[in-house]
Protein backbone atom coordinates (compact mmCIF):
# COMPACT_ATOMS: atom_id res chain seq x y z
CA MET A 1 41.90 40.67 10.53
CA THR A 2 44.79 39.44 12.65
CA LEU A 3 44.46 36.60 15.12
CA GLU A 4 44.05 37.52 18.78
CA THR A 5 47.47 37.59 20.45
CA GLN A 6 47.13 40.23 23.15
CA SER A 7 46.44 37.54 25.75
CA LEU A 8 49.76 35.71 25.15
CA PRO A 9 51.70 37.56 27.90
CA LEU A 10 49.18 36.13 30.36
CA LEU A 11 50.26 32.62 29.36
CA ARG A 12 53.86 33.43 30.26
CA GLU A 13 52.77 34.77 33.65
CA ALA A 14 50.57 31.73 34.30
CA LEU A 15 53.39 29.36 33.31
CA ASP A 16 55.67 31.04 35.83
CA ARG A 17 52.99 30.56 38.50
CA LEU A 18 52.58 26.90 37.51
CA SER A 19 56.33 26.29 37.48
CA ALA A 20 56.60 27.68 41.01
CA GLY A 21 54.49 24.79 42.22
CA PHE A 22 57.30 22.36 41.27
CA ALA A 23 60.25 24.46 42.45
CA ASP A 24 61.45 21.78 44.90
CA LEU A 25 62.27 19.32 42.09
CA PRO A 26 65.80 18.98 40.71
CA ALA A 27 66.32 20.51 37.28
CA ALA A 28 65.43 18.30 34.30
CA ASP A 29 65.29 20.71 31.39
CA PRO A 30 64.81 19.23 27.90
CA ASP A 31 67.49 19.60 25.25
CA LEU A 32 65.69 21.48 22.48
CA ASP A 33 66.95 22.37 19.02
CA LEU A 34 65.17 25.72 18.88
CA ASP A 35 66.19 26.48 15.32
CA ARG A 36 64.62 23.29 13.96
CA LEU A 37 61.63 23.73 16.25
CA ARG A 38 61.11 27.25 14.92
CA ALA A 39 61.34 26.09 11.32
CA VAL A 40 58.74 23.37 11.83
CA LEU A 41 56.38 25.69 13.69
CA LEU A 42 56.57 28.33 10.96
CA GLU A 43 55.98 25.67 8.32
CA THR A 44 52.97 24.52 10.35
CA ALA A 45 51.62 28.06 10.42
CA GLU A 46 51.93 28.24 6.64
CA ARG A 47 50.02 24.99 6.22
CA LEU A 48 47.22 26.31 8.43
CA HIS A 49 46.60 29.15 5.96
CA ASP A 50 44.50 26.61 4.05
CA ASN A 51 41.44 27.20 6.21
CA TYR A 52 38.25 29.18 6.17
CA PRO A 53 38.34 32.17 8.56
CA TYR A 54 36.33 30.42 11.29
CA GLN A 55 37.19 33.09 13.84
CA HIS A 56 35.77 35.98 11.77
CA PRO A 57 32.12 37.20 11.83
CA LEU A 58 31.97 36.76 8.04
CA TYR A 59 32.26 33.05 8.65
CA ALA A 60 28.58 32.31 9.10
CA GLY A 61 28.41 28.78 7.79
CA GLN A 62 28.91 25.59 9.77
CA MET A 63 28.83 25.01 13.54
CA LEU A 64 32.29 26.40 14.18
CA LYS A 65 32.78 28.86 17.02
CA PRO A 66 36.24 29.99 18.13
CA PRO A 67 37.20 29.16 21.72
CA HIS A 68 37.47 32.07 24.09
CA PRO A 69 41.03 33.19 24.89
CA VAL A 70 40.63 31.96 28.48
CA ALA A 71 39.86 28.47 27.18
CA ARG A 72 42.80 28.51 24.75
CA LEU A 73 45.20 29.73 27.41
CA ALA A 74 44.00 27.37 30.14
CA TYR A 75 44.12 24.38 27.76
CA THR A 76 47.65 25.30 26.66
CA LEU A 77 48.76 25.90 30.24
CA ALA A 78 47.59 22.42 31.22
CA LEU A 79 49.60 20.86 28.38
CA TRP A 80 52.84 21.60 30.24
CA ILE A 81 51.66 18.88 32.63
CA ASN A 82 49.39 16.95 30.21
CA PRO A 83 47.10 15.37 32.82
CA ASN A 84 44.98 12.32 32.00
CA ASN A 85 41.52 12.45 33.56
CA HIS A 86 41.07 8.70 33.67
CA ALA A 87 42.50 7.86 37.08
CA LEU A 88 43.11 10.33 39.88
CA ASP A 89 46.85 9.71 39.91
CA GLY A 90 46.92 10.80 36.26
CA GLY A 91 45.25 14.12 36.90
CA ARG A 92 44.41 15.01 40.48
CA ALA A 93 43.77 18.73 40.02
CA SER A 94 42.19 18.41 36.59
CA SER A 95 39.87 15.61 37.75
CA ALA A 96 38.62 17.82 40.57
CA MET A 97 38.17 20.67 38.10
CA GLU A 98 36.21 18.38 35.78
CA LYS A 99 33.84 17.35 38.56
CA GLU A 100 33.27 21.00 39.50
CA ALA A 101 32.70 22.11 35.90
CA VAL A 102 30.38 19.18 35.14
CA ALA A 103 28.39 19.89 38.31
CA GLU A 104 27.88 23.45 37.04
CA LEU A 105 26.58 22.08 33.72
CA ALA A 106 24.20 19.77 35.61
CA ALA A 107 22.96 22.74 37.64
CA LEU A 108 22.35 24.59 34.37
CA PHE A 109 19.72 21.94 33.61
CA GLY A 110 18.26 21.97 37.11
CA TRP A 111 20.04 18.93 38.58
CA GLN A 112 21.67 19.12 41.98
CA THR A 113 22.41 15.39 41.97
CA HIS A 114 23.70 13.73 38.84
CA LEU A 115 26.28 11.45 37.30
CA GLY A 116 28.35 12.83 34.48
CA HIS A 117 31.69 13.55 32.91
CA LEU A 118 33.33 15.10 29.87
CA THR A 119 33.85 13.20 26.63
CA GLY A 120 35.68 13.72 23.36
CA GLY A 121 32.50 15.15 21.83
CA GLY A 122 28.78 14.68 21.35
CA THR A 123 29.08 11.39 19.50
CA LEU A 124 30.78 9.63 22.42
CA ALA A 125 28.48 11.35 24.90
CA ASN A 126 25.40 10.13 23.01
CA LEU A 127 26.93 6.66 22.75
CA GLU A 128 27.19 6.50 26.53
CA ALA A 129 23.60 7.65 26.93
CA LEU A 130 22.28 4.99 24.54
CA TRP A 131 24.59 2.36 26.03
CA VAL A 132 23.04 2.99 29.44
CA ALA A 133 19.58 2.92 27.83
CA GLY A 134 20.39 -0.46 26.30
CA GLN A 135 21.67 -1.80 29.61
CA LEU A 136 18.45 -0.77 31.34
CA HIS A 137 16.14 -1.96 28.52
CA PRO A 138 18.04 -4.69 26.66
CA GLY A 139 17.00 -5.01 23.05
CA ALA A 140 14.34 -2.29 23.24
CA PRO A 141 14.19 0.09 20.26
CA ILE A 142 15.65 3.60 20.23
CA LEU A 143 13.41 6.23 18.57
CA ALA A 144 14.45 9.65 17.28
CA SER A 145 13.10 12.16 14.78
CA ALA A 146 13.98 12.14 11.10
CA GLN A 147 15.95 15.35 11.76
CA ALA A 148 17.92 13.93 14.70
CA HIS A 149 21.65 13.59 14.21
CA TYR A 150 22.61 10.57 12.11
CA THR A 151 24.86 9.26 14.88
CA HIS A 152 21.87 8.00 16.87
CA SER A 153 21.10 5.48 14.17
CA ARG A 154 24.76 4.56 13.79
CA ILE A 155 25.35 4.31 17.53
CA SER A 156 22.29 2.08 17.90
CA GLY A 157 23.80 -0.20 15.27
CA VAL A 158 27.11 -0.31 17.12
CA LEU A 159 25.26 -1.21 20.33
CA GLY A 160 23.08 -3.82 18.63
CA LEU A 161 19.88 -1.92 19.44
CA PRO A 162 16.98 -1.48 17.00
CA PHE A 163 16.56 2.09 15.77
CA GLU A 164 13.46 3.72 14.29
CA SER A 165 13.04 7.15 12.73
CA ILE A 166 9.91 9.17 13.52
CA PRO A 167 8.60 11.83 11.08
CA VAL A 168 8.86 15.54 11.84
CA ASP A 169 6.26 18.29 11.73
CA GLY A 170 6.36 21.43 9.59
CA GLN A 171 8.91 23.01 11.95
CA ALA A 172 11.33 20.08 11.58
CA ARG A 173 10.48 18.92 15.11
CA LEU A 174 9.56 15.47 16.35
CA ASP A 175 5.93 14.81 15.37
CA LEU A 176 4.16 13.80 18.58
CA ALA A 177 1.16 12.31 16.80
CA ALA A 178 3.41 10.07 14.71
CA LEU A 179 5.36 9.15 17.82
CA GLU A 180 2.23 8.18 19.74
CA THR A 181 1.09 5.99 16.87
CA ARG A 182 4.38 4.12 17.21
CA LEU A 183 4.22 4.02 21.01
CA GLN A 184 0.82 2.34 20.83
CA GLN A 185 2.58 -0.63 19.26
CA GLY A 186 4.66 -1.04 22.44
CA ALA A 187 8.27 -2.15 23.02
CA VAL A 188 10.02 1.25 23.05
CA GLY A 189 13.01 1.68 25.33
CA THR A 190 14.20 5.25 24.76
CA VAL A 191 13.06 8.28 22.78
CA VAL A 192 15.71 10.82 21.82
CA ALA A 193 14.59 14.46 21.88
CA THR A 194 16.81 16.91 20.06
CA LEU A 195 16.99 20.45 21.40
CA GLY A 196 18.78 22.11 18.52
CA THR A 197 18.83 19.85 15.45
CA THR A 198 21.98 19.96 13.37
CA ALA A 199 20.37 20.99 10.09
CA THR A 200 17.77 23.53 11.18
CA GLY A 201 18.28 24.22 14.89
CA SER A 202 14.76 22.98 15.66
CA VAL A 203 13.70 22.20 19.23
CA ASP A 204 11.66 19.05 19.78
CA PRO A 205 8.45 19.54 21.86
CA LEU A 206 9.74 18.20 25.17
CA PRO A 207 6.63 19.01 27.28
CA GLY A 208 4.45 16.89 25.01
CA LEU A 209 7.04 14.14 24.99
CA LEU A 210 7.07 14.07 28.79
CA ASP A 211 3.27 13.71 28.74
CA LEU A 212 3.64 10.69 26.47
CA GLN A 213 6.32 9.25 28.76
CA ALA A 214 3.90 9.40 31.68
CA ARG A 215 1.37 7.36 29.67
CA TYR A 216 3.60 4.86 27.89
CA GLY A 217 6.73 4.55 30.02
CA PHE A 218 10.07 4.96 28.24
CA ARG A 219 13.35 6.74 28.86
CA ILE A 220 13.91 10.22 27.45
CA HIS A 221 17.39 11.12 26.34
CA VAL A 222 17.94 14.72 25.23
CA ASP A 223 20.56 15.45 22.62
CA ALA A 224 21.26 19.10 23.39
CA ALA A 225 24.79 18.93 22.01
CA TYR A 226 24.12 22.05 19.97
CA GLY A 227 21.36 23.83 21.84
CA GLY A 228 21.82 23.04 25.52
CA TYR A 229 23.26 26.40 26.59
CA PHE A 230 20.21 28.23 25.20
CA ARG A 231 18.43 27.35 28.44
CA LEU A 232 20.13 30.51 29.75
CA VAL A 233 18.86 33.04 27.21
CA ASP A 234 15.83 35.27 27.61
CA ASN A 235 14.80 35.76 23.97
CA LEU A 236 13.57 32.30 22.97
CA GLY A 237 10.14 31.74 21.47
CA ASP A 238 7.43 30.37 23.75
CA GLU A 239 7.62 26.76 22.52
CA ALA A 240 11.39 26.57 22.70
CA ARG A 241 11.34 28.19 26.14
CA ALA A 242 8.83 25.59 27.34
CA ALA A 243 11.07 22.78 26.09
CA PHE A 244 14.23 24.08 27.76
CA ASP A 245 12.37 24.69 31.01
CA ARG A 246 11.51 20.97 31.28
CA LEU A 247 15.02 19.61 30.92
CA ASP A 248 15.19 18.80 34.61
CA ALA A 249 12.61 16.02 34.09
CA VAL A 250 14.48 13.91 31.50
CA ASP A 251 16.71 10.91 32.10
CA SER A 252 19.93 11.97 30.37
CA ILE A 253 21.33 15.00 28.56
CA VAL A 254 24.23 15.57 26.20
CA VAL A 255 25.70 19.04 25.72
CA ASP A 256 28.83 20.04 23.80
CA PRO A 257 30.90 22.81 25.41
CA HIS A 258 32.93 22.89 22.18
CA LYS A 259 29.91 24.31 20.39
CA HIS A 260 28.38 27.22 22.33
CA GLY A 261 30.47 26.74 25.48
CA LEU A 262 33.53 28.55 24.05
CA GLN A 263 35.77 25.46 24.23
CA PRO A 264 38.31 24.00 21.79
CA TYR A 265 37.58 20.62 20.23
CA GLY A 266 36.86 18.13 21.59
CA CYS A 267 34.74 18.68 24.63
CA GLY A 268 31.38 16.99 25.07
CA CYS A 269 29.49 16.12 28.23
CA ILE A 270 27.08 13.34 29.22
CA LEU A 271 24.81 13.80 32.24
CA PHE A 272 22.44 11.33 33.94
CA ARG A 273 19.75 12.46 36.35
CA ASP A 274 19.96 9.21 38.35
CA PRO A 275 23.48 8.71 39.76
CA SER A 276 22.76 5.01 40.37
CA VAL A 277 23.37 4.26 36.67
CA GLY A 278 27.04 4.44 37.67
CA ARG A 279 26.72 0.80 38.70
CA LEU A 280 26.51 -0.12 35.02
CA TYR A 281 30.06 1.16 34.47
CA GLN A 282 31.66 -0.91 37.21
CA HIS A 283 34.80 -2.77 36.16
CA GLU A 284 38.08 -3.95 37.60
CA SER A 285 41.37 -2.23 36.87
CA PRO A 286 43.72 -2.98 39.78
CA TYR A 287 46.70 -1.33 38.04
CA THR A 288 44.77 1.95 37.62
CA TYR A 289 42.40 2.65 40.51
CA PHE A 290 44.64 2.16 43.52
CA THR A 291 45.67 5.61 44.71
CA SER A 292 42.38 6.72 46.23
CA ALA A 293 39.12 5.37 47.58
CA GLU A 294 37.44 8.37 45.94
CA LEU A 295 35.60 7.76 42.66
CA HIS A 296 37.89 7.89 39.65
CA LEU A 297 36.37 9.43 36.50
CA GLY A 298 37.42 6.37 34.52
CA GLU A 299 35.00 4.34 36.65
CA ILE A 300 32.01 6.24 35.21
CA SER A 301 33.18 6.52 31.61
CA LEU A 302 33.43 4.23 28.60
CA GLU A 303 36.49 6.17 27.48
CA CYS A 304 39.81 5.51 29.14
CA SER A 305 42.45 8.20 28.64
CA ARG A 306 40.88 11.65 28.38
CA PRO A 307 42.62 15.05 28.19
CA GLY A 308 42.67 16.78 31.54
CA ALA A 309 43.41 19.95 29.57
CA ALA A 310 39.82 19.97 28.31
CA ALA A 311 38.53 19.99 31.88
CA VAL A 312 40.95 22.73 32.88
CA ALA A 313 39.84 24.90 29.95
CA LEU A 314 36.14 24.42 30.74
CA TRP A 315 36.65 25.09 34.44
CA ALA A 316 38.54 28.32 33.71
CA THR A 317 35.91 29.47 31.21
CA GLN A 318 33.09 28.92 33.67
CA ARG A 319 35.02 30.81 36.32
CA LEU A 320 35.22 33.79 33.96
CA PHE A 321 31.67 33.34 32.61
CA PRO A 322 29.35 31.75 35.20
CA LEU A 323 26.41 29.85 33.72
CA ALA A 324 23.75 32.23 35.00
CA ARG A 325 20.70 33.80 33.42
CA GLY A 326 21.29 37.49 33.05
CA GLY A 327 25.06 37.05 32.98
CA SER A 328 27.45 38.06 30.22
CA PHE A 329 27.67 34.54 28.78
CA ALA A 330 23.87 34.34 28.48
CA ALA A 331 23.75 37.83 26.98
CA ASP A 332 26.24 36.89 24.26
CA LEU A 333 24.26 33.77 23.44
CA GLY A 334 21.15 35.91 23.20
CA LYS A 335 22.93 38.11 20.66
CA ALA A 336 23.52 35.07 18.47
CA ARG A 337 19.81 34.28 18.48
CA ALA A 338 18.94 37.94 17.84
CA ALA A 339 21.26 37.91 14.83
CA ALA A 340 19.49 34.85 13.43
CA CYS A 341 16.07 36.44 13.91
CA ASP A 342 17.28 39.63 12.21
CA LEU A 343 18.61 37.77 9.19
CA HIS A 344 15.47 35.65 8.93
CA ASP A 345 13.23 38.72 9.03
CA ARG A 346 15.21 40.32 6.20
CA LEU A 347 14.98 37.15 4.12
CA ALA A 348 11.27 36.66 4.80
CA GLY A 349 10.56 40.25 3.73
CA ASP A 350 12.43 39.92 0.43
CA ASP A 351 10.61 38.41 -2.58
CA ARG A 352 13.86 36.95 -3.91
CA PHE A 353 13.98 34.40 -1.10
CA LEU A 354 11.91 31.56 0.31
CA THR A 355 11.84 30.83 4.04
CA ALA A 356 10.08 27.91 5.67
CA PHE A 357 10.07 28.59 9.42
CA ALA A 358 11.60 31.09 11.80
CA PRO A 359 14.76 30.04 13.67
CA GLU A 360 14.25 28.64 17.16
CA LEU A 361 17.91 29.08 18.09
CA ASP A 362 20.58 30.67 15.86
CA ILE A 363 20.39 28.66 12.63
CA VAL A 364 18.71 30.22 9.58
CA ILE A 365 17.48 28.26 6.54
CA TRP A 366 16.43 29.82 3.24
CA GLY A 367 16.48 29.38 -0.51
CA PRO A 368 16.44 31.62 -3.58
CA ARG A 369 12.98 31.79 -5.12
CA ALA A 370 12.65 29.67 -8.26
CA GLU A 371 10.05 27.55 -10.04
CA SER A 372 11.41 24.12 -9.13
CA ALA A 373 13.35 22.28 -6.48
CA SER A 374 16.19 21.63 -8.90
CA ALA A 375 16.40 25.32 -9.81
CA ILE A 376 16.45 26.33 -6.13
CA SER A 377 19.22 23.82 -5.52
CA ALA A 378 21.33 25.12 -8.41
CA LEU A 379 20.89 28.76 -7.42
CA SER A 380 21.68 27.98 -3.78
CA ARG A 381 25.01 26.49 -4.77
CA GLN A 382 25.79 29.45 -7.02
CA ILE A 383 25.01 31.97 -4.26
CA PHE A 384 27.09 29.90 -1.83
CA SER A 385 30.11 30.09 -4.15
CA ALA A 386 29.59 33.77 -5.03
CA ALA A 387 29.35 34.74 -1.37
CA ALA A 388 32.53 32.81 -0.54
CA ALA A 389 34.34 34.75 -3.28
CA GLU A 390 33.51 37.91 -1.31
CA ASN A 391 34.59 36.34 2.01
CA LEU A 392 31.06 35.63 3.25
CA HIS A 393 31.09 31.96 4.12
CA LEU A 394 27.67 30.28 4.32
CA ALA A 395 26.67 26.61 4.30
CA VAL A 396 24.22 24.52 2.32
CA VAL A 397 21.82 21.85 3.53
CA SER A 398 19.73 19.24 1.72
CA LEU A 399 16.16 19.02 3.04
CA PRO A 400 13.38 16.61 2.05
CA ARG A 401 10.33 17.56 0.01
CA GLU A 402 8.01 16.45 2.83
CA LEU A 403 9.43 19.10 5.15
CA LEU A 404 9.27 22.11 2.82
CA GLN A 405 6.34 21.40 0.48
CA PRO A 406 3.68 22.71 2.91
CA SER A 407 5.52 26.04 3.09
CA TRP A 408 6.43 26.12 -0.61
CA PRO A 409 3.29 24.79 -2.35
CA GLU A 410 3.97 26.69 -5.58
CA ILE A 411 7.28 24.90 -6.19
CA ALA A 412 7.51 22.14 -8.81
CA TRP A 413 9.00 19.26 -6.88
CA ASP A 414 11.02 17.62 -9.61
CA GLN A 415 13.37 16.00 -7.08
CA ALA A 416 12.96 14.54 -3.61
CA GLN A 417 15.48 16.85 -1.93
CA VAL A 418 16.21 20.54 -2.26
CA THR A 419 19.49 22.24 -1.47
CA CYS A 420 19.00 25.36 0.65
CA LEU A 421 21.32 27.94 2.13
CA ARG A 422 22.07 27.69 5.82
CA SER A 423 23.78 29.96 8.29
CA CYS A 424 24.87 29.27 11.88
CA LEU A 425 25.15 32.67 13.55
CA MET A 426 26.99 31.41 16.62
CA LYS A 427 29.19 34.38 17.42
CA PRO A 428 27.87 37.32 19.45
CA ASP A 429 29.70 39.53 16.92
CA HIS A 430 27.27 38.35 14.24
CA LEU A 431 24.59 40.72 15.55
CA ALA A 432 26.76 43.77 14.84
CA TRP A 433 27.77 42.31 11.46
CA ILE A 434 24.30 41.45 10.14
CA GLU A 435 24.14 44.58 8.00
CA VAL A 436 27.47 43.76 6.36
CA ILE A 437 26.41 40.13 5.87
CA TRP A 438 23.14 41.30 4.31
CA GLN A 439 24.86 43.72 1.97
CA ILE A 440 27.12 40.98 0.62
CA LEU A 441 24.25 38.51 0.36
CA ASP A 442 22.12 41.09 -1.45
CA ARG A 443 24.90 41.90 -3.89
CA VAL A 444 25.83 38.32 -4.79
CA THR A 445 22.17 37.29 -5.07
CA LYS A 446 21.57 40.04 -7.60
CA GLN A 447 24.58 38.85 -9.57
CA VAL A 448 23.49 35.21 -9.56
CA LEU A 449 19.85 35.92 -10.43
CA ALA A 450 20.87 38.28 -13.23
CA LYS A 451 22.76 35.40 -14.89
CA ALA A 452 20.00 32.82 -14.33
């Protein structure tokens, strides 16, 4: 498979259009040694051969989704100017494009008023959310499920806030009964709900969490870095659908356009429902914020310099693919979930495999059937390697005994964790490739089990 290059002539045309906007300036062309530049670029291309084929449908492992050509081209186009979306005089057009694109993301979650901006990724976006939480409830603990992303614990430590982990239920979702037991002890500032956990793609029960918020009073921050865009799709299960439909009621949301939003790394987004939290960001920078009385993005961000190119790419992508239910973007995301459901159904119907729960989004978890946790772990790693040798790239995940034992009661739990196989079917192409993926998985599993 060759890399997509048919869109490159469009970049040349767009560069000509961009250059025309500066035609009144005197010439200041750089002095380039094109021969040396060519040699270095070709050497760079050679070095990049040492990669997995992330762009291909047979890459079905980690959370890696290729950016759409419009995002690549728009990002590259912006680099000829290299705007900085910190102060308006560093990126006038790109700052306006960021505000428009972020407003469209807020509208995706049902917010017409909001405060938000792009970040370098989900980690920084979540840091800002928990920083605001700590400013509003100084010293109050942050709670998240045992399957929440590890950065919540680490960020809480950076911010000097206590962090507590809450157990999960049999679907790897936040256990509301365990949470309420903790809430009854008081002194909780913020509960993090994850809509699309990193390991399993599970969706925390947001409606029940909102009921608890009404009784106990705490902030709800939603980490939807992975799953946020699934609010648009029409083939979710009932519980996941109910969770996504209540996103408009939470206090803050993180979503990563560089996951399902077709963007290059890094592009995260933090959104607050109450714009008045902007007061917490106020600071003086007389050498920066002097060109306009309008709000500068740096005045509502903990980051300083930020790539305007990321905003330009997101804006262009959302122009091509509006964030609307029933649109082509939503349909492609629905194909990713359909692919995951298809693969899960095949696995669940095959005696060679063990499944624990059906996917809520597009992540599938399974293991080869064996008598013990250690045997499952060993076989999982062997299948992972055998599949990679045939260009099917999966992932592995280590899950705790407490999560899987109810579904796998016949297993001898000779270790506390079990290594399972994991697949993130993020590309719409995966739906058309499921049969090929299954054929390879079937073949390598037979080979591995025959040697066991």
